[in-house]
Amino acid sequence: MSRWLAAVALVSGVCWLLLITASMAGDWAAALDLPTLQLVMGNTFFGQVWRWHLLLNGLVLTLLFTRWQASLLPRLVLGGLLLATLAPVGHGAMLDG
C-alpha cells in the first residue's frame, strides 16, 4: 500500500508542477515546454522547493523498493521532510503579488 501511495504522491507532484508552470506562463502548452519548466524550477521559489519535494518523494519511493523498507526511522524521516516541503510552497505563494 505504501508503494502505491508514494507513487501517487510522485505523480500528483509532477502534475502540480505542470499545472503551476502553465499558470505562471499563462499558456497550457508551456506546461510541457522544457525551457519553461527549467525556468520555473530554477528561478522561482516554488520551483526551488518543488525540486526538493520531488527528490524526497523519489527517495521515499526508492526506499520502499529496497530491503530497508521495513525500517521505520528512514521512512519517518523522509516522510516528514516530504511533508515539510509543502509548507514553504503555500506560504511562499501567499507572499507573491
PDB file of N, CA and C in Angstrom:
ATOM      1  N   MET A   1       0.825  -1.187   0.000  1.00  0.00           N
ATOM      2  CA  MET A   1       0.000   0.000   0.000  1.00  0.00           C
ATOM      3  C   MET A   1       0.880   1.266   0.000  1.00  0.00           C
ATOM      4  N   SER A   2       1.944   1.238   0.784  1.00  0.00           N
ATOM      5  CA  SER A   2       2.824   2.413   0.864  1.00  0.00           C
ATOM      6  C   SER A   2       3.470   2.724  -0.474  1.00  0.00           C
ATOM      7  N   ARG A   3       3.825   1.684  -1.206  1.00  0.00           N
ATOM      8  CA  ARG A   3       4.436   1.895  -2.526  1.00  0.00           C
ATOM      9  C   ARG A   3       3.461   2.614  -3.455  1.00  0.00           C
ATOM     10  N   TRP A   4       2.230   2.162  -3.469  1.00  0.00           N
ATOM     11  CA  TRP A   4       1.220   2.790  -4.328  1.00  0.00           C
ATOM     12  C   TRP A   4       0.977   4.240  -3.921  1.00  0.00           C
ATOM     13  N   LEU A   5       0.898   4.484  -2.629  1.00  0.00           N
ATOM     14  CA  LEU A   5       0.658   5.847  -2.167  1.00  0.00           C
ATOM     15  C   LEU A   5       1.825   6.767  -2.498  1.00  0.00           C
ATOM     16  N   ALA A   6       3.051   6.265  -2.370  1.00  0.00           N
ATOM     17  CA  ALA A   6       4.224   7.062  -2.726  1.00  0.00           C
ATOM     18  C   ALA A   6       4.244   7.342  -4.229  1.00  0.00           C
ATOM     19  N   ALA A   7       3.845   6.360  -5.028  1.00  0.00           N
ATOM     20  CA  ALA A   7       3.784   6.558  -6.480  1.00  0.00           C
ATOM     21  C   ALA A   7       2.718   7.596  -6.842  1.00  0.00           C
ATOM     22  N   VAL A   8       1.563   7.523  -6.202  1.00  0.00           N
ATOM     23  CA  VAL A   8       0.501   8.502  -6.442  1.00  0.00           C
ATOM     24  C   VAL A   8       0.975   9.897  -6.040  1.00  0.00           C
ATOM     25  N   ALA A   9       1.689   9.995  -4.922  1.00  0.00           N
ATOM     26  CA  ALA A   9       2.219  11.291  -4.476  1.00  0.00           C
ATOM     27  C   ALA A   9       3.208  11.848  -5.486  1.00  0.00           C
ATOM     28  N   LEU A  10       4.058  11.000  -6.052  1.00  0.00           N
ATOM     29  CA  LEU A  10       5.023  11.460  -7.047  1.00  0.00           C
ATOM     30  C   LEU A  10       4.327  11.930  -8.320  1.00  0.00           C
ATOM     31  N   VAL A  11       3.372  11.155  -8.786  1.00  0.00           N
ATOM     32  CA  VAL A  11       2.628  11.540  -9.996  1.00  0.00           C
ATOM     33  C   VAL A  11       1.867  12.846  -9.762  1.00  0.00           C
ATOM     34  N   SER A  12       1.237  12.983  -8.595  1.00  0.00           N
ATOM     35  CA  SER A  12       0.499  14.222  -8.322  1.00  0.00           C
ATOM     36  C   SER A  12       1.458  15.403  -8.173  1.00  0.00           C
ATOM     37  N   GLY A  13       2.660  15.166  -7.652  1.00  0.00           N
ATOM     38  CA  GLY A  13       3.654  16.233  -7.549  1.00  0.00           C
ATOM     39  C   GLY A  13       4.106  16.728  -8.914  1.00  0.00           C
ATOM     40  N   VAL A  14       4.305  15.797  -9.833  1.00  0.00           N
ATOM     41  CA  VAL A  14       4.683  16.179 -11.205  1.00  0.00           C
ATOM     42  C   VAL A  14       3.526  16.920 -11.877  1.00  0.00           C
ATOM     43  N   CYS A  15       2.307  16.441 -11.675  1.00  0.00           N
ATOM     44  CA  CYS A  15       1.139  17.130 -12.247  1.00  0.00           C
ATOM     45  C   CYS A  15       0.997  18.538 -11.688  1.00  0.00           C
ATOM     46  N   TRP A  16       1.233  18.691 -10.401  1.00  0.00           N
ATOM     47  CA  TRP A  16       1.150  20.012  -9.791  1.00  0.00           C
ATOM     48  C   TRP A  16       2.194  20.944 -10.398  1.00  0.00           C
ATOM     49  N   LEU A  17       3.409  20.423 -10.612  1.00  0.00           N
ATOM     50  CA  LEU A  17       4.458  21.218 -11.253  1.00  0.00           C
ATOM     51  C   LEU A  17       4.009  21.675 -12.638  1.00  0.00           C
ATOM     52  N   LEU A  18       3.433  20.777 -13.404  1.00  0.00           N
ATOM     53  CA  LEU A  18       2.981  21.132 -14.758  1.00  0.00           C
ATOM     54  C   LEU A  18       1.862  22.170 -14.711  1.00  0.00           C
ATOM     55  N   LEU A  19       0.938  22.027 -13.783  1.00  0.00           N
ATOM     56  CA  LEU A  19      -0.161  22.994 -13.671  1.00  0.00           C
ATOM     57  C   LEU A  19       0.342  24.371 -13.226  1.00  0.00           C
ATOM     58  N   ILE A  20       1.261  24.406 -12.284  1.00  0.00           N
ATOM     59  CA  ILE A  20       1.817  25.688 -11.834  1.00  0.00           C
ATOM     60  C   ILE A  20       2.598  26.342 -12.961  1.00  0.00           C
ATOM     61  N   THR A  21       3.343  25.549 -13.718  1.00  0.00           N
ATOM     62  CA  THR A  21       4.098  26.088 -14.859  1.00  0.00           C
ATOM     63  C   THR A  21       3.153  26.702 -15.884  1.00  0.00           C
ATOM     64  N   ALA A  22       2.093  26.003 -16.195  1.00  0.00           N
ATOM     65  CA  ALA A  22       1.109  26.539 -17.146  1.00  0.00           C
ATOM     66  C   ALA A  22       0.466  27.802 -16.598  1.00  0.00           C
ATOM     67  N   SER A  23       0.186  27.828 -15.320  1.00  0.00           N
ATOM     68  CA  SER A  23      -0.416  29.001 -14.695  1.00  0.00           C
ATOM     69  C   SER A  23       0.525  30.199 -14.729  1.00  0.00           C
ATOM     70  N   MET A  24       1.792  29.977 -14.417  1.00  0.00           N
ATOM     71  CA  MET A  24       2.771  31.070 -14.429  1.00  0.00           C
ATOM     72  C   MET A  24       3.011  31.603 -15.833  1.00  0.00           C
ATOM     73  N   ALA A  25       3.029  30.695 -16.821  1.00  0.00           N
ATOM     74  CA  ALA A  25       3.290  31.102 -18.198  1.00  0.00           C
ATOM     75  C   ALA A  25       2.047  31.651 -18.881  1.00  0.00           C
ATOM     76  N   GLY A  26       0.881  31.317 -18.346  1.00  0.00           N
ATOM     77  CA  GLY A  26      -0.361  31.783 -18.956  1.00  0.00           C
ATOM     78  C   GLY A  26      -0.733  31.021 -20.211  1.00  0.00           C
ATOM     79  N   ASP A  27      -0.178  29.825 -20.374  1.00  0.00           N
ATOM     80  CA  ASP A  27      -0.437  29.034 -21.570  1.00  0.00           C
ATOM     81  C   ASP A  27      -0.333  27.549 -21.211  1.00  0.00           C
ATOM     82  N   TRP A  28      -1.351  26.777 -21.549  1.00  0.00           N
ATOM     83  CA  TRP A  28      -1.338  25.358 -21.222  1.00  0.00           C
ATOM     84  C   TRP A  28      -0.209  24.616 -21.917  1.00  0.00           C
ATOM     85  N   ALA A  29       0.172  25.041 -23.107  1.00  0.00           N
ATOM     86  CA  ALA A  29       1.251  24.374 -23.841  1.00  0.00           C
ATOM     87  C   ALA A  29       2.599  24.530 -23.129  1.00  0.00           C
ATOM     88  N   ALA A  30       2.748  25.571 -22.337  1.00  0.00           N
ATOM     89  CA  ALA A  30       4.000  25.816 -21.624  1.00  0.00           C
ATOM     90  C   ALA A  30       4.287  24.754 -20.573  1.00  0.00           C
ATOM     91  N   ALA A  31       3.263  24.044 -20.138  1.00  0.00           N
ATOM     92  CA  ALA A  31       3.445  23.007 -19.122  1.00  0.00           C
ATOM     93  C   ALA A  31       4.354  21.890 -19.620  1.00  0.00           C
ATOM     94  N   LEU A  32       4.388  21.666 -20.908  1.00  0.00           N
ATOM     95  CA  LEU A  32       5.213  20.616 -21.487  1.00  0.00           C
ATOM     96  C   LEU A  32       6.428  21.158 -22.219  1.00  0.00           C
ATOM     97  N   ASP A  33       6.680  22.443 -22.099  1.00  0.00           N
ATOM     98  CA  ASP A  33       7.820  23.084 -22.747  1.00  0.00           C
ATOM     99  C   ASP A  33       9.021  23.019 -21.797  1.00  0.00           C
ATOM    100  N   LEU A  34      10.067  22.282 -22.192  1.00  0.00           N
ATOM    101  CA  LEU A  34      11.215  22.049 -21.316  1.00  0.00           C
ATOM    102  C   LEU A  34      11.900  23.343 -20.857  1.00  0.00           C
ATOM    103  N   PRO A  35      12.164  24.317 -21.742  1.00  0.00           N
ATOM    104  CA  PRO A  35      12.783  25.555 -21.254  1.00  0.00           C
ATOM    105  C   PRO A  35      11.919  26.303 -20.228  1.00  0.00           C
ATOM    106  N   THR A  36      10.619  26.269 -20.407  1.00  0.00           N
ATOM    107  CA  THR A  36       9.726  26.922 -19.446  1.00  0.00           C
ATOM    108  C   THR A  36       9.750  26.192 -18.110  1.00  0.00           C
ATOM    109  N   LEU A  37       9.738  24.866 -18.161  1.00  0.00           N
ATOM    110  CA  LEU A  37       9.829  24.072 -16.934  1.00  0.00           C
ATOM    111  C   LEU A  37      11.146  24.350 -16.201  1.00  0.00           C
ATOM    112  N   GLN A  38      12.236  24.432 -16.958  1.00  0.00           N
ATOM    113  CA  GLN A  38      13.534  24.736 -16.350  1.00  0.00           C
ATOM    114  C   GLN A  38      13.539  26.122 -15.726  1.00  0.00           C
ATOM    115  N   LEU A  39      12.895  27.063 -16.377  1.00  0.00           N
ATOM    116  CA  LEU A  39      12.806  28.420 -15.844  1.00  0.00           C
ATOM    117  C   LEU A  39      12.025  28.433 -14.536  1.00  0.00           C
ATOM    118  N   VAL A  40      10.906  27.739 -14.500  1.00  0.00           N
ATOM    119  CA  VAL A  40      10.102  27.684 -13.273  1.00  0.00           C
ATOM    120  C   VAL A  40      10.868  26.966 -12.168  1.00  0.00           C
ATOM    121  N   MET A  41      11.499  25.849 -12.495  1.00  0.00           N
ATOM    122  CA  MET A  41      12.213  25.071 -11.478  1.00  0.00           C
ATOM    123  C   MET A  41      13.458  25.792 -10.957  1.00  0.00           C
ATOM    124  N   GLY A  42      14.079  26.592 -11.798  1.00  0.00           N
ATOM    125  CA  GLY A  42      15.323  27.234 -11.394  1.00  0.00           C
ATOM    126  C   GLY A  42      15.197  28.650 -10.879  1.00  0.00           C
ATOM    127  N   ASN A  43      14.158  29.375 -11.297  1.00  0.00           N
ATOM    128  CA  ASN A  43      14.091  30.805 -10.990  1.00  0.00           C
ATOM    129  C   ASN A  43      12.904  31.222 -10.139  1.00  0.00           C
ATOM    130  N   THR A  44      12.148  30.277  -9.644  1.00  0.00           N
ATOM    131  CA  THR A  44      11.025  30.649  -8.780  1.00  0.00           C
ATOM    132  C   THR A  44      11.179  29.959  -7.432  1.00  0.00           C
ATOM    133  N   PHE A  45      10.597  30.555  -6.418  1.00  0.00           N
ATOM    134  CA  PHE A  45      10.632  29.959  -5.091  1.00  0.00           C
ATOM    135  C   PHE A  45       9.932  28.607  -5.101  1.00  0.00           C
ATOM    136  N   PHE A  46       8.786  28.557  -5.775  1.00  0.00           N
ATOM    137  CA  PHE A  46       8.055  27.297  -5.886  1.00  0.00           C
ATOM    138  C   PHE A  46       8.942  26.219  -6.492  1.00  0.00           C
ATOM    139  N   GLY A  47       9.606  26.525  -7.591  1.00  0.00           N
ATOM    140  CA  GLY A  47      10.443  25.551  -8.280  1.00  0.00           C
ATOM    141  C   GLY A  47      11.590  25.054  -7.436  1.00  0.00           C
ATOM    142  N   GLN A  48      12.198  25.961  -6.695  1.00  0.00           N
ATOM    143  CA  GLN A  48      13.319  25.559  -5.847  1.00  0.00           C
ATOM    144  C   GLN A  48      12.867  24.616  -4.746  1.00  0.00           C
ATOM    145  N   VAL A  49      11.739  24.891  -4.141  1.00  0.00           N
ATOM    146  CA  VAL A  49      11.209  23.996  -3.106  1.00  0.00           C
ATOM    147  C   VAL A  49      10.695  22.710  -3.744  1.00  0.00           C
ATOM    148  N   TRP A  50      10.063  22.820  -4.897  1.00  0.00           N
ATOM    149  CA  TRP A  50       9.453  21.642  -5.521  1.00  0.00           C
ATOM    150  C   TRP A  50      10.493  20.656  -6.021  1.00  0.00           C
ATOM    151  N   ARG A  51      11.689  21.142  -6.374  1.00  0.00           N
ATOM    152  CA  ARG A  51      12.766  20.215  -6.732  1.00  0.00           C
ATOM    153  C   ARG A  51      13.068  19.295  -5.558  1.00  0.00           C
ATOM    154  N   TRP A  52      13.156  19.878  -4.356  1.00  0.00           N
ATOM    155  CA  TRP A  52      13.395  19.078  -3.150  1.00  0.00           C
ATOM    156  C   TRP A  52      12.231  18.134  -2.888  1.00  0.00           C
ATOM    157  N   HIS A  53      11.025  18.628  -3.097  1.00  0.00           N
ATOM    158  CA  HIS A  53       9.838  17.806  -2.875  1.00  0.00           C
ATOM    159  C   HIS A  53       9.865  16.563  -3.770  1.00  0.00           C
ATOM    160  N   LEU A  54      10.129  16.761  -5.050  1.00  0.00           N
ATOM    161  CA  LEU A  54      10.147  15.633  -5.981  1.00  0.00           C
ATOM    162  C   LEU A  54      11.316  14.695  -5.683  1.00  0.00           C
ATOM    163  N   LEU A  55      12.454  15.241  -5.306  1.00  0.00           N
ATOM    164  CA  LEU A  55      13.603  14.418  -4.950  1.00  0.00           C
ATOM    165  C   LEU A  55      13.295  13.552  -3.726  1.00  0.00           C
ATOM    166  N   LEU A  56      12.747  14.167  -2.698  1.00  0.00           N
ATOM    167  CA  LEU A  56      12.396  13.413  -1.494  1.00  0.00           C
ATOM    168  C   LEU A  56      11.329  12.362  -1.780  1.00  0.00           C
ATOM    169  N   ASN A  57      10.375  12.712  -2.622  1.00  0.00           N
ATOM    170  CA  ASN A  57       9.338  11.756  -2.992  1.00  0.00           C
ATOM    171  C   ASN A  57       9.948  10.564  -3.727  1.00  0.00           C
ATOM    172  N   GLY A  58      10.888  10.842  -4.616  1.00  0.00           N
ATOM    173  CA  GLY A  58      11.586   9.758  -5.310  1.00  0.00           C
ATOM    174  C   GLY A  58      12.387   8.891  -4.357  1.00  0.00           C
ATOM    175  N   LEU A  59      13.007   9.518  -3.356  1.00  0.00           N
ATOM    176  CA  LEU A  59      13.757   8.755  -2.350  1.00  0.00           C
ATOM    177  C   LEU A  59      12.841   7.872  -1.521  1.00  0.00           C
ATOM    178  N   VAL A  60      11.675   8.390  -1.153  1.00  0.00           N
ATOM    179  CA  VAL A  60      10.706   7.580  -0.409  1.00  0.00           C
ATOM    180  C   VAL A  60      10.293   6.370  -1.248  1.00  0.00           C
ATOM    181  N   LEU A  61       9.987   6.608  -2.499  1.00  0.00           N
ATOM    182  CA  LEU A  61       9.566   5.517  -3.376  1.00  0.00           C
ATOM    183  C   LEU A  61      10.689   4.496  -3.544  1.00  0.00           C
ATOM    184  N   THR A  62      11.915   4.975  -3.724  1.00  0.00           N
ATOM    185  CA  THR A  62      13.059   4.073  -3.856  1.00  0.00           C
ATOM    186  C   THR A  62      13.256   3.264  -2.581  1.00  0.00           C
ATOM    187  N   LEU A  63      13.163   3.931  -1.438  1.00  0.00           N
ATOM    188  CA  LEU A  63      13.321   3.247  -0.157  1.00  0.00           C
ATOM    189  C   LEU A  63      12.318   2.105  -0.004  1.00  0.00           C
ATOM    190  N   LEU A  64      11.111   2.330  -0.477  1.00  0.00           N
ATOM    191  CA  LEU A  64      10.063   1.322  -0.327  1.00  0.00           C
ATOM    192  C   LEU A  64      10.290   0.092  -1.204  1.00  0.00           C
ATOM    193  N   PHE A  65      11.219   0.180  -2.152  1.00  0.00           N
ATOM    194  CA  PHE A  65      11.538  -0.966  -3.001  1.00  0.00           C
ATOM    195  C   PHE A  65      12.877  -1.600  -2.631  1.00  0.00           C
ATOM    196  N   THR A  66      13.463  -1.189  -1.492  1.00  0.00           N
ATOM    197  CA  THR A  66      14.726  -1.768  -1.046  1.00  0.00           C
ATOM    198  C   THR A  66      14.498  -2.642   0.176  1.00  0.00           C
ATOM    199  N   ARG A  67      15.566  -3.232   0.664  1.00  0.00           N
ATOM    200  CA  ARG A  67      15.451  -4.099   1.845  1.00  0.00           C
ATOM    201  C   ARG A  67      15.238  -3.295   3.119  1.00  0.00           C
ATOM    202  N   TRP A  68      15.431  -1.968   3.070  1.00  0.00           N
ATOM    203  CA  TRP A  68      15.232  -1.121   4.245  1.00  0.00           C
ATOM    204  C   TRP A  68      13.783  -0.659   4.398  1.00  0.00           C
ATOM    205  N   GLN A  69      12.907  -1.175   3.575  1.00  0.00           N
ATOM    206  CA  GLN A  69      11.509  -0.741   3.620  1.00  0.00           C
ATOM    207  C   GLN A  69      10.855  -1.028   4.962  1.00  0.00           C
ATOM    208  N   ALA A  70      11.350  -2.033   5.678  1.00  0.00           N
ATOM    209  CA  ALA A  70      10.758  -2.374   6.968  1.00  0.00           C
ATOM    210  C   ALA A  70      11.254  -1.461   8.087  1.00  0.00           C
ATOM    211  N   SER A  71      12.329  -0.709   7.841  1.00  0.00           N
ATOM    212  CA  SER A  71      12.863   0.189   8.862  1.00  0.00           C
ATOM    213  C   SER A  71      11.974   1.412   8.995  1.00  0.00           C
ATOM    214  N   LEU A  72      11.514   1.654  10.187  1.00  0.00           N
ATOM    215  CA  LEU A  72      10.584   2.754  10.421  1.00  0.00           C
ATOM    216  C   LEU A  72      11.271   4.117  10.388  1.00  0.00           C
ATOM    217  N   LEU A  73      12.472   4.226  10.942  1.00  0.00           N
ATOM    218  CA  LEU A  73      13.134   5.527  11.060  1.00  0.00           C
ATOM    219  C   LEU A  73      13.378   6.207   9.708  1.00  0.00           C
ATOM    220  N   PRO A  74      13.964   5.525   8.716  1.00  0.00           N
ATOM    221  CA  PRO A  74      14.158   6.212   7.421  1.00  0.00           C
ATOM    222  C   PRO A  74      12.845   6.639   6.769  1.00  0.00           C
ATOM    223  N   ARG A  75      11.815   5.807   6.913  1.00  0.00           N
ATOM    224  CA  ARG A  75      10.516   6.172   6.335  1.00  0.00           C
ATOM    225  C   ARG A  75       9.928   7.389   7.029  1.00  0.00           C
ATOM    226  N   LEU A  76      10.067   7.450   8.345  1.00  0.00           N
ATOM    227  CA  LEU A  76       9.549   8.605   9.081  1.00  0.00           C
ATOM    228  C   LEU A  76      10.315   9.879   8.743  1.00  0.00           C
ATOM    229  N   VAL A  77      11.628   9.778   8.665  1.00  0.00           N
ATOM    230  CA  VAL A  77      12.453  10.960   8.364  1.00  0.00           C
ATOM    231  C   VAL A  77      12.137  11.479   6.968  1.00  0.00           C
ATOM    232  N   LEU A  78      12.172  10.598   5.981  1.00  0.00           N
ATOM    233  CA  LEU A  78      11.891  11.037   4.608  1.00  0.00           C
ATOM    234  C   LEU A  78      10.450  11.513   4.443  1.00  0.00           C
ATOM    235  N   GLY A  79       9.513  10.816   5.079  1.00  0.00           N
ATOM    236  CA  GLY A  79       8.111  11.237   5.019  1.00  0.00           C
ATOM    237  C   GLY A  79       7.897  12.584   5.674  1.00  0.00           C
ATOM    238  N   GLY A  80       8.564  12.819   6.796  1.00  0.00           N
ATOM    239  CA  GLY A  80       8.458  14.110   7.475  1.00  0.00           C
ATOM    240  C   GLY A  80       9.053  15.234   6.647  1.00  0.00           C
ATOM    241  N   LEU A  81      10.207  14.985   6.041  1.00  0.00           N
ATOM    242  CA  LEU A  81      10.826  16.001   5.182  1.00  0.00           C
ATOM    243  C   LEU A  81       9.955  16.279   3.954  1.00  0.00           C
ATOM    244  N   LEU A  82       9.376  15.222   3.400  1.00  0.00           N
ATOM    245  CA  LEU A  82       8.478  15.384   2.255  1.00  0.00           C
ATOM    246  C   LEU A  82       7.279  16.250   2.637  1.00  0.00           C
ATOM    247  N   LEU A  83       6.709  15.976   3.770  1.00  0.00           N
ATOM    248  CA  LEU A  83       5.577  16.773   4.255  1.00  0.00           C
ATOM    249  C   LEU A  83       6.000  18.221   4.521  1.00  0.00           C
ATOM    250  N   ALA A  84       7.211  18.403   5.030  1.00  0.00           N
ATOM    251  CA  ALA A  84       7.692  19.749   5.346  1.00  0.00           C
ATOM    252  C   ALA A  84       7.883  20.607   4.097  1.00  0.00           C
ATOM    253  N   THR A  85       8.075  19.990   2.940  1.00  0.00           N
ATOM    254  CA  THR A  85       8.244  20.779   1.711  1.00  0.00           C
ATOM    255  C   THR A  85       6.937  21.413   1.242  1.00  0.00           C
ATOM    256  N   LEU A  86       5.823  20.985   1.786  1.00  0.00           N
ATOM    257  CA  LEU A  86       4.541  21.569   1.380  1.00  0.00           C
ATOM    258  C   LEU A  86       4.320  22.948   2.010  1.00  0.00           C
ATOM    259  N   ALA A  87       4.820  23.153   3.218  1.00  0.00           N
ATOM    260  CA  ALA A  87       4.593  24.427   3.914  1.00  0.00           C
ATOM    261  C   ALA A  87       5.221  25.619   3.209  1.00  0.00           C
ATOM    262  N   PRO A  88       6.506  25.578   2.804  1.00  0.00           N
ATOM    263  CA  PRO A  88       7.077  26.755   2.167  1.00  0.00           C
ATOM    264  C   PRO A  88       6.419  27.107   0.835  1.00  0.00           C
ATOM    265  N   VAL A  89       5.917  26.104   0.134  1.00  0.00           N
ATOM    266  CA  VAL A  89       5.261  26.387  -1.155  1.00  0.00           C
ATOM    267  C   VAL A  89       3.994  27.201  -0.908  1.00  0.00           C
ATOM    268  N   GLY A  90       3.198  26.795   0.026  1.00  0.00           N
ATOM    269  CA  GLY A  90       1.965  27.525   0.330  1.00  0.00           C
ATOM    270  C   GLY A  90       2.229  28.898   0.907  1.00  0.00           C
ATOM    271  N   HIS A  91       3.178  28.981   1.833  1.00  0.00           N
ATOM    272  CA  HIS A  91       3.479  30.268   2.441  1.00  0.00           C
ATOM    273  C   HIS A  91       4.199  31.202   1.480  1.00  0.00           C
ATOM    274  N   GLY A  92       5.028  30.630   0.612  1.00  0.00           N
ATOM    275  CA  GLY A  92       5.696  31.452  -0.404  1.00  0.00           C
ATOM    276  C   GLY A  92       4.702  32.024  -1.403  1.00  0.00           C
ATOM    277  N   ALA A  93       3.699  31.238  -1.747  1.00  0.00           N
ATOM    278  CA  ALA A  93       2.684  31.689  -2.716  1.00  0.00           C
ATOM    279  C   ALA A  93       1.834  32.818  -2.146  1.00  0.00           C
ATOM    280  N   MET A  94       1.610  32.822  -0.850  1.00  0.00           N
ATOM    281  CA  MET A  94       0.759  33.860  -0.294  1.00  0.00           C
ATOM    282  C   MET A  94       1.463  35.209  -0.255  1.00  0.00           C
ATOM    283  N   LEU A  95       2.794  35.217  -0.393  1.00  0.00           N
ATOM    284  CA  LEU A  95       3.543  36.474  -0.364  1.00  0.00           C
ATOM    285  C   LEU A  95       3.720  37.081  -1.748  1.00  0.00           C
ATOM    286  N   ASP A  96       3.421  36.319  -2.800  1.00  0.00           N
ATOM    287  CA  ASP A  96       3.558  36.835  -4.171  1.00  0.00           C
ATOM    288  C   ASP A  96       2.396  37.740  -4.509  1.00  0.00           C
ATOM    289  N   GLY A  97       2.699  38.776  -5.281  1.00  0.00           N
ATOM    290  CA  GLY A  97       1.679  39.639  -5.843  1.00  0.00           C
ATOM    291  C   GLY A  97       0.889  40.359  -4.801  1.00  0.00           C
TER     292      GLY A  97
END
